[in-house]
Protein backbone atom coordinates (compact mmCIF):
# COMPACT_ATOMS: atom_id res chain seq x y z
CA UNK A 1 5.82 -1.72 8.03
CA UNK A 2 6.69 -0.50 11.51
CA UNK A 3 7.35 -4.08 12.58
CA UNK A 4 9.65 -5.46 9.89
CA UNK A 5 9.75 -8.99 11.30
CA UNK A 6 5.96 -9.15 11.52
CA UNK A 7 5.69 -7.87 7.95
CA UNK A 8 8.23 -10.45 6.75
CA UNK A 9 6.37 -13.29 8.43
CA UNK A 10 3.06 -12.03 7.06
CA UNK A 11 4.48 -12.05 3.53
CA UNK A 12 5.88 -15.57 4.01
CA UNK A 13 2.43 -16.78 5.12
CA UNK A 14 0.83 -14.99 2.18
CA UNK A 15 3.24 -16.65 -0.24
CA UNK A 16 2.61 -19.99 1.47
CA UNK A 17 -1.03 -19.59 0.43
CA UNK A 18 0.20 -18.81 -3.09
CA UNK A 19 2.37 -21.92 -3.01
CA UNK A 20 -0.58 -24.10 -2.05
CA UNK A 21 -2.58 -22.51 -4.87
CA UNK A 22 0.23 -23.26 -7.33
CA UNK A 23 0.39 -26.91 -6.29
CA UNK A 24 -3.40 -27.30 -6.45
CA UNK A 25 -3.92 -25.52 -9.74
CA UNK A 26 -0.85 -27.09 -11.31
CA UNK A 27 -2.19 -30.58 -10.62
CA UNK A 28 -5.84 -29.89 -11.42
CA UNK A 29 -6.96 -31.67 -14.58
CA UNK A 30 -9.53 -28.96 -15.27
CA UNK A 31 -6.86 -26.30 -15.75
CA UNK A 32 -5.91 -25.60 -19.33
CA UNK A 33 -2.22 -25.83 -20.28
CA UNK A 34 -2.25 -22.19 -21.37
CA UNK A 35 -4.26 -20.83 -18.48
CA UNK A 36 -2.55 -17.43 -18.32
CA UNK A 37 -3.24 -14.65 -20.80
CA UNK A 38 -0.48 -12.09 -20.44
CA UNK A 39 -1.62 -8.47 -20.16
CA UNK A 40 0.07 -5.10 -20.28
CA UNK A 41 0.60 -3.42 -16.92
CA UNK A 42 -1.79 -0.62 -17.87
CA UNK A 43 -4.64 -3.03 -18.65
CA UNK A 44 -4.38 -4.60 -15.21
CA UNK A 45 -4.16 -1.53 -12.96
CA UNK A 46 -7.53 -0.81 -11.26
CA UNK A 47 -9.39 2.16 -12.73
CA UNK A 48 -9.59 3.81 -9.32
CA UNK A 49 -5.87 3.41 -8.54
CA UNK A 50 -4.22 6.59 -7.24
CA UNK A 51 -0.91 7.65 -8.78
CA UNK A 52 1.15 9.27 -6.05
CA UNK A 53 3.73 12.00 -6.64
CA UNK A 54 6.39 13.63 -4.45
CA UNK A 55 4.00 16.56 -3.97
CA UNK A 56 1.29 14.31 -2.48
CA UNK A 57 3.67 12.15 -0.42
CA UNK A 58 3.05 12.26 3.35
CA UNK A 59 6.33 10.43 4.10
CA UNK A 60 8.89 11.40 1.42
CA UNK A 61 12.31 9.72 1.42
CA UNK A 62 14.87 11.52 3.60
CA UNK A 63 18.53 11.42 2.54
CA UNK A 64 21.22 11.55 5.25
CA UNK A 65 24.34 11.46 3.06
CA UNK A 66 26.19 14.04 0.99
CA UNK A 67 27.27 11.38 -1.53
CA UNK A 68 24.01 11.49 -3.50
CA UNK A 69 21.54 14.00 -4.85
CA UNK A 70 18.06 14.05 -3.30
CA UNK A 71 16.01 10.98 -4.31
CA UNK A 72 13.45 11.35 -7.12
CA UNK A 73 11.03 8.95 -8.83
CA UNK A 74 12.92 6.98 -11.47
CA UNK A 75 12.51 8.80 -14.81
CA UNK A 76 10.89 6.98 -17.71
CA UNK A 77 8.07 4.44 -18.05
CA UNK A 78 8.82 2.16 -15.07
CA UNK A 79 6.54 3.72 -12.42
CA UNK A 80 2.74 3.45 -12.65
CA UNK A 81 -0.22 3.63 -10.27
CA UNK A 82 0.43 -0.05 -9.54
CA UNK A 83 3.17 -1.49 -7.35
CA UNK A 84 6.76 -1.37 -8.60
CA UNK A 85 9.15 -3.05 -6.18
CA UNK A 86 12.45 -4.95 -5.80
CA UNK A 87 14.63 -2.91 -8.20
CA UNK A 88 17.63 -4.70 -9.69
CA UNK A 89 19.98 -2.87 -12.04
CA UNK A 90 22.91 -4.25 -14.03
CA UNK A 91 26.37 -3.07 -13.07
CA UNK A 92 26.71 -1.12 -16.33
CA UNK A 93 23.40 0.63 -15.61
CA UNK A 94 21.77 -0.42 -18.88
CA UNK A 95 19.37 -3.18 -17.76
CA UNK A 96 16.71 -2.70 -15.11
CA UNK A 97 14.47 -5.37 -13.57
CA UNK A 98 11.69 -5.02 -11.03
CA UNK A 99 8.65 -6.74 -9.55
CA UNK A 100 5.22 -5.48 -10.57
CA UNK A 101 1.71 -6.20 -9.40
CA UNK A 102 -1.26 -4.01 -10.36
CA UNK A 103 -2.77 -3.89 -6.87
CA UNK A 104 -0.79 -4.56 -3.70
CA UNK A 105 -3.97 -5.30 -1.76
CA UNK A 106 -5.11 -8.36 -3.71
CA UNK A 107 -4.28 -11.83 -2.32
CA UNK A 108 -1.15 -13.54 -3.64
CA UNK A 109 -3.17 -16.49 -4.92
CA UNK A 110 -5.11 -14.11 -7.18
CA UNK A 111 -1.87 -12.62 -8.50
CA UNK A 112 -0.96 -16.05 -9.88
CA UNK A 113 -3.57 -15.87 -12.60
CA UNK A 114 -3.75 -12.15 -13.33
CA UNK A 115 -1.36 -12.41 -16.30
CA UNK A 116 0.75 -9.46 -15.19
CA UNK A 117 2.23 -9.94 -11.70
CA UNK A 118 5.90 -10.90 -11.84
CA UNK A 119 9.26 -9.70 -13.10
CA UNK A 120 9.44 -6.94 -15.70
CA UNK A 121 12.51 -5.44 -17.32
CA UNK A 122 13.63 -2.42 -19.32
CA UNK A 123 16.74 -1.53 -21.30
CA UNK A 124 18.41 1.87 -21.47
CA UNK A 125 18.71 3.29 -24.99
CA UNK A 126 20.66 6.52 -24.94
CA UNK A 127 19.30 8.49 -22.00
CA UNK A 128 15.87 6.83 -22.04
CA UNK A 129 14.43 3.58 -20.72
CA UNK A 130 12.37 1.35 -23.01
CA UNK A 131 8.81 0.36 -22.14
CA UNK A 132 9.13 -2.54 -19.65
CA UNK A 133 8.25 -6.05 -20.82
CA UNK A 134 7.47 -9.21 -18.89
CA UNK A 135 10.33 -11.63 -18.17
CA UNK A 136 9.00 -15.12 -18.95
CA UNK A 137 10.65 -17.50 -16.49
CA UNK A 138 8.22 -20.39 -16.40
CA UNK A 139 5.95 -22.51 -18.56
CA UNK A 140 3.51 -23.14 -15.72
CA UNK A 141 2.10 -21.24 -12.75
CA UNK A 142 4.65 -19.23 -10.77
CA UNK A 143 5.04 -16.07 -8.72
CA UNK A 144 8.50 -14.55 -9.26
CA UNK A 145 10.50 -11.57 -8.01
CA UNK A 146 14.05 -10.45 -8.93
CA UNK A 147 16.80 -10.38 -6.30
CA UNK A 148 20.12 -10.05 -8.18
CA UNK A 149 21.52 -9.58 -11.69
CA UNK A 150 25.24 -10.09 -12.17
CA UNK A 151 27.48 -11.62 -14.86
CA UNK A 152 24.39 -11.97 -17.12
CA UNK A 153 22.75 -14.22 -14.52
CA UNK A 154 19.40 -13.32 -12.97
CA UNK A 155 18.80 -14.65 -9.48
CA UNK A 156 15.12 -14.62 -8.57
CA UNK A 157 12.76 -15.83 -5.87
CA UNK A 158 9.93 -18.06 -7.04
CA UNK A 159 6.88 -19.85 -5.73
CA UNK A 160 6.22 -22.77 -8.08
CA UNK A 161 5.69 -26.52 -8.23
CA UNK A 162 8.89 -28.42 -7.38
CA UNK A 163 10.26 -26.05 -4.75
CA UNK A 164 12.17 -27.44 -1.77
CA UNK A 165 10.50 -25.09 0.71
CA UNK A 166 7.00 -23.74 1.21
CA UNK A 167 8.21 -20.14 1.53
CA UNK A 168 9.75 -19.77 -1.93
CA UNK A 169 13.02 -20.91 -3.52
CA UNK A 170 15.88 -19.06 -5.19
CA UNK A 171 16.39 -19.76 -8.91
CA UNK A 172 18.75 -18.53 -11.62
CA UNK A 173 18.25 -17.77 -15.32
CA UNK A 174 20.55 -16.59 -18.10
CA UNK A 175 19.85 -13.67 -20.38
CA UNK A 176 20.01 -14.44 -24.09
CA UNK A 177 18.99 -11.41 -26.12
CA UNK A 178 15.44 -10.60 -25.10
CA UNK A 179 14.82 -14.01 -23.55
CA UNK A 180 15.58 -15.65 -20.22
CA UNK A 181 16.74 -19.25 -20.50
CA UNK A 182 18.07 -22.16 -18.41
CA UNK A 183 15.83 -21.61 -15.38
CA UNK A 184 17.41 -23.58 -12.54
CA UNK A 185 16.63 -24.09 -8.88
CA UNK A 186 19.65 -23.17 -6.73
CA UNK A 187 19.38 -26.41 -4.83
CA UNK A 188 18.39 -27.96 -1.55
CA UNK A 189 21.30 -26.57 0.46
CA UNK A 190 20.48 -22.90 -0.15
CA UNK A 191 16.72 -23.25 -0.31
CA UNK A 192 16.00 -25.75 2.45
CA UNK A 193 19.04 -26.42 4.65
CA UNK A 194 20.06 -22.76 4.97
CA UNK A 195 16.65 -21.32 4.00
CA UNK A 196 18.22 -18.22 2.47
CA UNK A 197 16.10 -15.14 1.99
CA UNK A 198 16.64 -12.54 -0.72
CA UNK A 199 20.30 -12.52 -1.73
CA UNK A 200 22.96 -10.80 -3.79
CA UNK A 201 26.06 -12.34 -5.37
CA UNK A 202 29.58 -10.97 -5.57
CA UNK A 203 31.00 -11.02 -9.13
CA UNK A 204 31.66 -14.62 -10.11
CA UNK A 205 28.71 -15.91 -8.10
CA UNK A 206 30.79 -17.80 -5.53
CA UNK A 207 30.02 -15.57 -2.52
CA UNK A 208 26.47 -14.70 -1.51
CA UNK A 209 24.97 -12.27 1.00
CA UNK A 210 21.43 -12.93 2.20
CA UNK A 211 18.82 -12.41 4.90
CA UNK A 212 17.92 -15.21 7.31
CA UNK A 213 15.70 -15.43 10.39
CA UNK A 214 17.21 -18.57 11.92
CA UNK A 215 19.91 -18.18 14.62
CA UNK A 216 19.81 -14.40 14.35
CA UNK A 217 20.80 -11.66 16.81
CA UNK A 218 17.19 -10.50 16.98
CA UNK A 219 14.83 -10.44 14.01
CA UNK A 220 16.27 -11.07 10.57
CA UNK A 221 20.07 -10.88 10.15
CA UNK A 222 22.42 -10.67 7.18
CA UNK A 223 24.68 -13.63 6.49
CA UNK A 224 27.24 -14.73 3.91
CA UNK A 225 28.25 -18.05 2.40
CA UNK A 226 30.91 -19.03 -0.16
CA UNK A 227 31.15 -21.88 -2.64
CA UNK A 228 34.09 -24.20 -1.83
CA UNK A 229 34.04 -26.17 -5.05
CA UNK A 230 31.56 -28.81 -3.95
CA UNK A 231 28.98 -27.08 -1.77
CA UNK A 232 28.08 -23.86 0.04
CA UNK A 233 29.87 -23.22 3.33
CA UNK A 234 27.89 -22.85 6.53
CA UNK A 235 26.46 -19.30 6.72
CA UNK A 236 28.48 -16.72 8.66
CA UNK A 237 26.68 -13.92 10.49
CA UNK A 238 27.98 -10.48 9.43
CA UNK A 239 28.25 -9.38 13.05
CA UNK A 240 27.28 -6.44 15.23
CA UNK A 241 28.51 -3.71 12.85
CA UNK A 242 25.76 -4.81 10.46
CA UNK A 243 23.16 -6.72 12.45
CA UNK A 244 21.16 -5.50 15.44
CA UNK A 245 18.42 -6.78 17.71
CA UNK A 246 16.05 -5.50 15.02
CA UNK A 247 15.88 -6.58 11.39
CA UNK A 248 18.32 -6.46 8.48
CA UNK A 249 17.67 -7.92 5.03
CA UNK A 250 17.29 -7.35 1.27
CA UNK A 251 21.03 -6.85 0.61
CA UNK A 252 22.94 -5.44 -2.33
CA UNK A 253 26.68 -6.15 -2.58
CA UNK A 254 29.09 -4.44 -4.97
CA UNK A 255 30.96 -6.39 -7.66
CA UNK A 256 34.14 -6.49 -5.57
CA UNK A 257 32.30 -7.36 -2.37
CA UNK A 258 33.43 -4.24 -0.49
CA UNK A 259 30.24 -2.14 -0.37
CA UNK A 260 27.05 -3.40 1.24
CA UNK A 261 23.59 -1.83 1.13
CA UNK A 262 20.61 -3.29 2.94
CA UNK A 263 17.19 -2.65 4.46
CA UNK A 264 16.67 -2.39 8.21
CA UNK A 265 14.64 -0.78 10.95
CA UNK A 266 15.28 2.96 11.10
CA UNK A 267 17.71 3.89 13.87
CA UNK A 268 16.90 7.60 13.53
CA UNK A 269 13.24 7.54 14.49
CA UNK A 270 11.67 7.55 11.01
CA UNK A 271 8.62 5.53 10.05
CA UNK A 272 9.00 2.25 8.22
CA UNK A 273 12.22 0.60 7.05
CA UNK A 274 15.36 2.49 6.03
CA UNK A 275 18.42 1.88 3.85
CA UNK A 276 21.85 1.34 5.39
CA UNK A 277 25.40 1.30 3.96
CA UNK A 278 28.63 -0.29 5.14
CA UNK A 279 32.13 -0.44 3.66
CA UNK A 280 34.55 -3.34 4.09
CA UNK A 281 38.11 -2.27 4.91
CA UNK A 282 40.98 -4.62 5.72
CA UNK A 283 38.56 -7.53 5.59
CA UNK A 284 36.11 -6.13 8.16
CA UNK A 285 32.76 -4.39 7.82
CA UNK A 286 32.57 -0.88 9.29
CA UNK A 287 29.60 0.27 11.32
CA UNK A 288 26.57 0.54 9.03
CA UNK A 289 25.12 4.03 8.56
CA UNK A 290 21.50 4.90 7.81
CA UNK A 291 21.55 6.78 4.50
CA UNK A 292 17.86 6.99 3.43
CA UNK A 293 14.74 6.85 5.64
CA UNK A 294 10.92 6.90 5.48
CA UNK A 295 9.35 3.73 4.06
CA UNK A 296 12.27 2.85 1.77
CA UNK A 297 14.11 -0.39 1.08
CA UNK A 298 15.40 -3.03 -1.34
CA UNK A 299 18.39 -0.96 -2.56
CA UNK A 300 20.37 -1.54 -5.74
CA UNK A 301 23.26 0.28 -7.35
CA UNK A 302 25.04 0.57 -10.69
CA UNK A 303 28.81 0.82 -11.16
CA UNK A 304 28.64 4.63 -11.13
CA UNK A 305 27.16 4.57 -7.64
CA UNK A 306 23.61 5.64 -8.53
CA UNK A 307 21.26 4.34 -5.84
CA UNK A 308 17.91 2.74 -6.76
CA UNK A 309 15.32 1.69 -4.19
CA UNK A 310 11.63 1.06 -3.48
CA UNK A 311 9.55 3.76 -1.81
CA UNK A 312 6.15 2.90 -0.32
CA UNK A 313 3.44 5.55 -0.23
CA UNK A 314 1.11 5.74 2.76
CA UNK A 315 -1.76 8.04 3.63
CA UNK A 316 -2.04 9.99 6.90
CA UNK A 317 -3.74 7.03 8.61
CA UNK A 318 -0.94 4.64 7.65
CA UNK A 319 -2.79 2.83 4.84
CA UNK A 320 -0.56 1.67 1.98
CA UNK A 321 -1.44 3.27 -1.37
CA UNK A 322 1.20 2.16 -3.88
CA UNK A 323 4.97 1.77 -4.40
CA UNK A 324 7.41 3.30 -6.88
CA UNK A 325 11.08 3.01 -7.77
CA UNK A 326 13.22 5.97 -6.72
CA UNK A 327 16.78 6.91 -7.68
CA UNK A 328 19.39 9.05 -5.95
CA UNK A 329 22.13 9.98 -8.41
CA UNK A 330 25.72 9.90 -7.20
CA UNK A 331 27.27 13.36 -6.91
CA UNK A 332 30.24 13.58 -9.27
């Protein structure tokens, strides 16, 4: 994780392998229509998996802001000894989605058929979160991860038959009770022409913020595009107050479009990626500030300002162990 660009490209190549596997298996006459048997997360986690805790963490998250309490593992049933990643929380703070895989070291093509890797979600009831359940977003082979939930629309990245690109496409789905319906590809312009990475939508869904490697200031940069009534405008780079010669990606944008969180290379000398924050004032983004460091990323936030993010656990030799969702509650 020290080289964010290299990690990003590695993941794209890994998912390319998954994409080839999807195309092959999806067209193979020997594959049964109902090839996947869905499992619980606990059934799929390896018996020798190590559950990390803050006490055993060699690189705990470091907070650099007085706006939040110190980060802690998200309370409730979300975190396991597997990999919980890509947290997405509804603006009202009552719906939580995340990516899960039981073992981060298994190849992506094996995750396709394990019956458990994909998007999971939980609902808040009172002060507690319900046991997460699988979000079913396909009737065939697919590898999905959540990127945004706003206005009852889930935006997610997916590797499946019919994609425009080989490195995954962005899709949307609507929530209807406990089901996810109307799965739709976001189209050739976003997925092939602009090749958008993980994105977040301003309320209304007509302005998007996303990561993109092409034409960047260095590694990956953050960009924005807006819907003009007939198509998406050409992406605009967010500029030097946000982007650097390093890497910036995995954005979260507030409902009103005036607060931006994202993942980037630490500027303070910490290991792994860090989380940054910028505020838009008078139509311009202020200089981004590093707010959490030490193998953290993929931030999300509810309307009360509580900060959710992924934290990766490593041993002393730098070997990845697992990943959990952390939360830093906003100080009232």
